[in-house]
Amino acid sequence: MLTVRTFLPIAIVMSVVAGCDSPTAEAQAKAERAQLEAEQKAAEVATELDKKVAEIDQRAERETDNALREAAEKLNNAALEAQEKTVEAQAELLKARDDVRASATRKIEDLEKDVAELRAKAEKKMSKVEVDRMVKDLQDQSEAVRRSLRDLDAATSTNLEQMKKSVDQRVEELDRAIQEARRRV
């Protein structure tokens, strides 16, 4: 039988062994709770971080979209402005061509009238062959001026002034030729 003397040491050993198990189990449970809490906290932090990253991504996407929209708008405005300036420049070029053409055409028509008057006077004082040759030369020069006027359609803003000088020079040459013919008549 077990007496208190024998039971007590066994009870102490058992309680020590049982007591040791209890704090170890409790410590393990505490560690597991701490681990679980740490994992939950890490999950919460990760979720919060994901939300912040998503917000930053959305903000960046909105800002990028806004920047792209603004850039596209500026580009479109610049293209419209360039197109308007091109249209204006073309209109100015067309007007300049028309002005040169109108001015030179008036001069040519006046000079051709002079040729007709000159022919009438020359027929009274010169032979028919001489008159025909003189008039033919003047008409050829007049046609050269008219060809120069047709070339104006190909003139650009860069070479318009040069072509205008060429037309003016041909008109002056025709005028000098008519003046020379008048002196002979």
C-alpha atoms as a PDB file:
ATOM      1  CA  MET A   1       0.000   0.000   0.000  1.00  0.00           C
ATOM      2  CA  LEU A   2       0.948   3.412  -0.494  1.00  0.00           C
ATOM      3  CA  THR A   3       1.632   5.456   2.479  1.00  0.00           C
ATOM      4  CA  VAL A   4       1.857   9.212   2.597  1.00  0.00           C
ATOM      5  CA  ARG A   5       5.592   8.898   2.663  1.00  0.00           C
ATOM      6  CA  THR A   6       5.644   6.998  -0.527  1.00  0.00           C
ATOM      7  CA  PHE A   7       2.787   8.849  -2.024  1.00  0.00           C
ATOM      8  CA  LEU A   8       4.178  12.303  -1.356  1.00  0.00           C
ATOM      9  CA  PRO A   9       7.387  11.899  -3.316  1.00  0.00           C
ATOM     10  CA  ILE A  10       5.419  10.366  -6.144  1.00  0.00           C
ATOM     11  CA  ALA A  11       2.880  13.177  -5.934  1.00  0.00           C
ATOM     12  CA  ILE A  12       5.646  15.787  -5.992  1.00  0.00           C
ATOM     13  CA  VAL A  13       7.321  14.197  -8.936  1.00  0.00           C
ATOM     14  CA  MET A  14       3.998  13.870 -10.670  1.00  0.00           C
ATOM     15  CA  SER A  15       3.069  17.445  -9.941  1.00  0.00           C
ATOM     16  CA  VAL A  16       6.456  18.607 -11.153  1.00  0.00           C
ATOM     17  CA  VAL A  17       6.043  16.549 -14.268  1.00  0.00           C
ATOM     18  CA  ALA A  18       2.459  17.709 -14.639  1.00  0.00           C
ATOM     19  CA  GLY A  19       3.477  21.243 -13.797  1.00  0.00           C
ATOM     20  CA  CYS A  20       6.226  21.158 -16.357  1.00  0.00           C
ATOM     21  CA  ASP A  21       3.824  19.999 -18.972  1.00  0.00           C
ATOM     22  CA  SER A  22       1.395  22.710 -18.136  1.00  0.00           C
ATOM     23  CA  PRO A  23       3.747  25.653 -18.523  1.00  0.00           C
ATOM     24  CA  THR A  24       5.245  24.134 -21.688  1.00  0.00           C
ATOM     25  CA  ALA A  25       1.797  23.633 -23.194  1.00  0.00           C
ATOM     26  CA  GLU A  26       0.773  27.063 -22.043  1.00  0.00           C
ATOM     27  CA  ALA A  27       3.944  28.573 -23.468  1.00  0.00           C
ATOM     28  CA  GLN A  28       3.400  26.681 -26.683  1.00  0.00           C
ATOM     29  CA  ALA A  29      -0.223  27.850 -26.851  1.00  0.00           C
ATOM     30  CA  LYS A  30       0.938  31.375 -26.082  1.00  0.00           C
ATOM     31  CA  ALA A  31       3.579  31.110 -28.803  1.00  0.00           C
ATOM     32  CA  GLU A  32       0.998  29.784 -31.227  1.00  0.00           C
ATOM     33  CA  ARG A  33      -1.354  32.660 -30.348  1.00  0.00           C
ATOM     34  CA  ALA A  34       1.495  35.103 -30.782  1.00  0.00           C
ATOM     35  CA  GLN A  35       2.363  33.467 -34.092  1.00  0.00           C
ATOM     36  CA  LEU A  36      -1.282  33.652 -35.186  1.00  0.00           C
ATOM     37  CA  GLU A  37      -1.533  37.291 -34.070  1.00  0.00           C
ATOM     38  CA  ALA A  38       1.700  38.078 -35.922  1.00  0.00           C
ATOM     39  CA  GLU A  39       0.374  36.405 -39.052  1.00  0.00           C
ATOM     40  CA  GLN A  40      -2.912  38.307 -38.749  1.00  0.00           C
ATOM     41  CA  LYS A  41      -1.033  41.554 -38.196  1.00  0.00           C
ATOM     42  CA  ALA A  42       1.205  40.788 -41.181  1.00  0.00           C
ATOM     43  CA  ALA A  43      -1.897  40.037 -43.275  1.00  0.00           C
ATOM     44  CA  GLU A  44      -3.484  43.326 -42.152  1.00  0.00           C
ATOM     45  CA  VAL A  45      -0.294  45.234 -42.966  1.00  0.00           C
ATOM     46  CA  ALA A  46      -0.051  43.479 -46.354  1.00  0.00           C
ATOM     47  CA  THR A  47      -3.717  44.307 -47.091  1.00  0.00           C
ATOM     48  CA  GLU A  48      -3.181  47.922 -46.076  1.00  0.00           C
ATOM     49  CA  LEU A  49      -0.026  48.065 -48.167  1.00  0.00           C
ATOM     50  CA  ASP A  50      -1.880  46.574 -51.160  1.00  0.00           C
ATOM     51  CA  LYS A  51      -4.613  49.224 -50.744  1.00  0.00           C
ATOM     52  CA  LYS A  52      -2.034  52.019 -50.633  1.00  0.00           C
ATOM     53  CA  VAL A  53      -0.195  50.611 -53.666  1.00  0.00           C
ATOM     54  CA  ALA A  54      -3.528  50.352 -55.531  1.00  0.00           C
ATOM     55  CA  GLU A  55      -4.358  53.964 -54.592  1.00  0.00           C
ATOM     56  CA  ILE A  56      -0.935  55.124 -55.736  1.00  0.00           C
ATOM     57  CA  ASP A  57      -1.329  53.161 -58.986  1.00  0.00           C
ATOM     58  CA  GLN A  58      -4.768  54.671 -59.576  1.00  0.00           C
ATOM     59  CA  ARG A  59      -3.498  58.162 -58.817  1.00  0.00           C
ATOM     60  CA  ALA A  60      -0.512  57.634 -61.114  1.00  0.00           C
ATOM     61  CA  GLU A  61      -2.808  56.272 -63.820  1.00  0.00           C
ATOM     62  CA  ARG A  62      -5.127  59.287 -63.492  1.00  0.00           C
ATOM     63  CA  GLU A  63      -2.183  61.682 -63.582  1.00  0.00           C
ATOM     64  CA  THR A  64      -0.739  59.869 -66.590  1.00  0.00           C
ATOM     65  CA  ASP A  65      -4.113  59.963 -68.333  1.00  0.00           C
ATOM     66  CA  ASN A  66      -4.431  63.671 -67.549  1.00  0.00           C
ATOM     67  CA  ALA A  67      -0.904  64.361 -68.789  1.00  0.00           C
ATOM     68  CA  LEU A  68      -1.546  62.388 -71.978  1.00  0.00           C
ATOM     69  CA  ARG A  69      -4.858  64.157 -72.512  1.00  0.00           C
ATOM     70  CA  GLU A  70      -3.211  67.560 -71.998  1.00  0.00           C
ATOM     71  CA  ALA A  71      -0.367  66.640 -74.344  1.00  0.00           C
ATOM     72  CA  ALA A  72      -2.827  65.425 -76.984  1.00  0.00           C
ATOM     73  CA  GLU A  73      -4.839  68.616 -76.606  1.00  0.00           C
ATOM     74  CA  LYS A  74      -1.714  70.768 -76.963  1.00  0.00           C
ATOM     75  CA  LEU A  75      -0.632  68.746 -79.983  1.00  0.00           C
ATOM     76  CA  ASN A  76      -4.053  69.116 -81.585  1.00  0.00           C
ATOM     77  CA  ASN A  77      -4.065  72.852 -80.889  1.00  0.00           C
ATOM     78  CA  ALA A  78      -0.588  73.205 -82.374  1.00  0.00           C
ATOM     79  CA  ALA A  79      -1.662  71.213 -85.432  1.00  0.00           C
ATOM     80  CA  LEU A  80      -4.746  73.399 -85.874  1.00  0.00           C
ATOM     81  CA  GLU A  81      -2.668  76.538 -85.485  1.00  0.00           C
ATOM     82  CA  ALA A  82      -0.127  75.251 -88.002  1.00  0.00           C
ATOM     83  CA  GLN A  83      -2.913  74.370 -90.408  1.00  0.00           C
ATOM     84  CA  GLU A  84      -4.445  77.838 -90.027  1.00  0.00           C
ATOM     85  CA  LYS A  85      -1.065  79.453 -90.661  1.00  0.00           C
ATOM     86  CA  THR A  86      -0.553  77.233 -93.701  1.00  0.00           C
ATOM     87  CA  VAL A  87      -3.946  78.236 -95.070  1.00  0.00           C
ATOM     88  CA  GLU A  88      -3.138  81.905 -94.416  1.00  0.00           C
ATOM     89  CA  ALA A  89       0.257  81.568 -96.098  1.00  0.00           C
ATOM     90  CA  GLN A  90      -1.291  79.835 -99.102  1.00  0.00           C
ATOM     91  CA  ALA A  91      -3.935  82.567 -99.347  1.00  0.00           C
ATOM     92  CA  GLU A  92      -1.231  85.237 -99.184  1.00  0.00           C
ATOM     93  CA  LEU A  93       0.811  83.423-101.835  1.00  0.00           C
ATOM     94  CA  LEU A  94      -2.242  83.100-104.084  1.00  0.00           C
ATOM     95  CA  LYS A  95      -3.021  86.791-103.658  1.00  0.00           C
ATOM     96  CA  ALA A  96       0.595  87.753-104.377  1.00  0.00           C
ATOM     97  CA  ARG A  97       0.585  85.598-107.541  1.00  0.00           C
ATOM     98  CA  ASP A  98      -2.712  87.139-108.638  1.00  0.00           C
ATOM     99  CA  ASP A  99      -1.375  90.655-107.987  1.00  0.00           C
ATOM    100  CA  VAL A 100       1.748  89.998-110.068  1.00  0.00           C
ATOM    101  CA  ARG A 101      -0.331  88.374-112.807  1.00  0.00           C
ATOM    102  CA  ALA A 102      -2.888  91.222-112.893  1.00  0.00           C
ATOM    103  CA  SER A 103      -0.227  93.918-112.957  1.00  0.00           C
ATOM    104  CA  ALA A 104       1.819  92.206-115.672  1.00  0.00           C
ATOM    105  CA  THR A 105      -1.296  91.373-117.726  1.00  0.00           C
ATOM    106  CA  ARG A 106      -2.355  95.052-117.751  1.00  0.00           C
ATOM    107  CA  LYS A 107       1.137  96.069-118.879  1.00  0.00           C
ATOM    108  CA  ILE A 108       1.209  93.392-121.588  1.00  0.00           C
ATOM    109  CA  GLU A 109      -2.227  94.380-122.877  1.00  0.00           C
ATOM    110  CA  ASP A 110      -1.144  98.038-123.033  1.00  0.00           C
ATOM    111  CA  LEU A 111       2.072  97.056-124.813  1.00  0.00           C
ATOM    112  CA  GLU A 112       0.163  94.835-127.274  1.00  0.00           C
ATOM    113  CA  LYS A 113      -2.069  97.833-128.088  1.00  0.00           C
ATOM    114  CA  ASP A 114       1.107  99.788-128.727  1.00  0.00           C
ATOM    115  CA  VAL A 115       2.248  96.992-131.095  1.00  0.00           C
ATOM    116  CA  ALA A 116      -1.041  97.228-133.017  1.00  0.00           C
ATOM    117  CA  GLU A 117      -0.706 101.016-133.324  1.00  0.00           C
ATOM    118  CA  LEU A 118       2.951 100.635-134.258  1.00  0.00           C
ATOM    119  CA  ARG A 119       2.029  98.121-136.985  1.00  0.00           C
ATOM    120  CA  ALA A 120      -0.403 100.590-138.545  1.00  0.00           C
ATOM    121  CA  LYS A 121       2.257 103.317-138.599  1.00  0.00           C
ATOM    122  CA  ALA A 122       4.981 100.942-139.776  1.00  0.00           C
ATOM    123  CA  GLU A 123       2.909  99.660-142.715  1.00  0.00           C
ATOM    124  CA  LYS A 124       2.883 103.213-144.096  1.00  0.00           C
ATOM    125  CA  LYS A 125       6.661 103.632-143.871  1.00  0.00           C
ATOM    126  CA  MET A 126       8.166 100.112-144.153  1.00  0.00           C
ATOM    127  CA  SER A 127       7.890  97.130-146.422  1.00  0.00           C
ATOM    128  CA  LYS A 128       5.423  94.376-145.525  1.00  0.00           C
ATOM    129  CA  VAL A 129       8.261  91.895-144.872  1.00  0.00           C
ATOM    130  CA  GLU A 130       9.980  94.287-142.466  1.00  0.00           C
ATOM    131  CA  VAL A 131       6.706  95.054-140.670  1.00  0.00           C
ATOM    132  CA  ASP A 132       5.821  91.344-140.389  1.00  0.00           C
ATOM    133  CA  ARG A 133       9.276  90.519-139.010  1.00  0.00           C
ATOM    134  CA  MET A 134       9.173  93.394-136.521  1.00  0.00           C
ATOM    135  CA  VAL A 135       5.634  92.499-135.340  1.00  0.00           C
ATOM    136  CA  LYS A 136       6.543  88.787-135.148  1.00  0.00           C
ATOM    137  CA  ASP A 137       9.538  89.601-132.911  1.00  0.00           C
ATOM    138  CA  LEU A 138       7.364  91.753-130.656  1.00  0.00           C
ATOM    139  CA  GLN A 139       4.644  89.074-130.491  1.00  0.00           C
ATOM    140  CA  ASP A 140       7.257  86.431-129.607  1.00  0.00           C
ATOM    141  CA  GLN A 141       8.475  88.595-126.746  1.00  0.00           C
ATOM    142  CA  SER A 142       4.886  89.170-125.643  1.00  0.00           C
ATOM    143  CA  GLU A 143       4.279  85.400-125.660  1.00  0.00           C
ATOM    144  CA  ALA A 144       7.447  84.887-123.588  1.00  0.00           C
ATOM    145  CA  VAL A 145       6.016  87.254-120.984  1.00  0.00           C
ATOM    146  CA  ARG A 146       2.703  85.341-120.984  1.00  0.00           C
ATOM    147  CA  ARG A 147       4.600  82.051-120.510  1.00  0.00           C
ATOM    148  CA  SER A 148       6.320  83.604-117.504  1.00  0.00           C
ATOM    149  CA  LEU A 149       2.897  84.506-116.142  1.00  0.00           C
ATOM    150  CA  ARG A 150       1.759  80.881-116.505  1.00  0.00           C
ATOM    151  CA  ASP A 151       4.886  79.817-114.605  1.00  0.00           C
ATOM    152  CA  LEU A 152       3.662  81.893-111.658  1.00  0.00           C
ATOM    153  CA  ASP A 153       1.209  79.085-110.794  1.00  0.00           C
ATOM    154  CA  ALA A 154       4.190  76.973-109.757  1.00  0.00           C
ATOM    155  CA  ALA A 155       5.753  79.771-107.720  1.00  0.00           C
ATOM    156  CA  THR A 156       6.277  79.144-104.029  1.00  0.00           C
ATOM    157  CA  SER A 157       6.685  81.713-101.296  1.00  0.00           C
ATOM    158  CA  THR A 158      10.423  81.114-101.567  1.00  0.00           C
ATOM    159  CA  ASN A 159      10.796  81.838-105.272  1.00  0.00           C
ATOM    160  CA  LEU A 160       7.828  84.160-105.935  1.00  0.00           C
ATOM    161  CA  GLU A 161       9.956  87.293-105.727  1.00  0.00           C
ATOM    162  CA  GLN A 162      12.457  85.835-108.197  1.00  0.00           C
ATOM    163  CA  MET A 163       9.670  84.885-110.622  1.00  0.00           C
ATOM    164  CA  LYS A 164       8.127  88.353-110.263  1.00  0.00           C
ATOM    165  CA  LYS A 165      11.495  89.884-111.186  1.00  0.00           C
ATOM    166  CA  SER A 166      11.682  87.573-114.208  1.00  0.00           C
ATOM    167  CA  VAL A 167       8.198  88.629-115.378  1.00  0.00           C
ATOM    168  CA  ASP A 168       9.014  92.313-114.795  1.00  0.00           C
ATOM    169  CA  GLN A 169      12.278  91.918-116.695  1.00  0.00           C
ATOM    170  CA  ARG A 170      10.481  90.351-119.679  1.00  0.00           C
ATOM    171  CA  VAL A 171       7.857  93.118-119.628  1.00  0.00           C
ATOM    172  CA  GLU A 172      10.669  95.715-119.616  1.00  0.00           C
ATOM    173  CA  GLU A 173      12.390  93.922-122.508  1.00  0.00           C
ATOM    174  CA  LEU A 174       9.129  93.978-124.490  1.00  0.00           C
ATOM    175  CA  ASP A 175       8.653  97.674-123.682  1.00  0.00           C
ATOM    176  CA  ARG A 176      12.241  98.457-124.815  1.00  0.00           C
ATOM    177  CA  ALA A 177      11.725  96.479-128.014  1.00  0.00           C
ATOM    178  CA  ILE A 178       8.542  98.451-128.749  1.00  0.00           C
ATOM    179  CA  GLN A 179      10.348 101.749-128.014  1.00  0.00           C
ATOM    180  CA  GLU A 180      13.156 100.674-130.368  1.00  0.00           C
ATOM    181  CA  ALA A 181      10.624  99.798-133.070  1.00  0.00           C
ATOM    182  CA  ARG A 182       8.951 103.201-132.661  1.00  0.00           C
ATOM    183  CA  ARG A 183      12.252 104.929-133.237  1.00  0.00           C
ATOM    184  CA  ARG A 184      12.663 103.025-136.497  1.00  0.00           C
ATOM    185  CA  VAL A 185       9.181 104.016-137.683  1.00  0.00           C
END
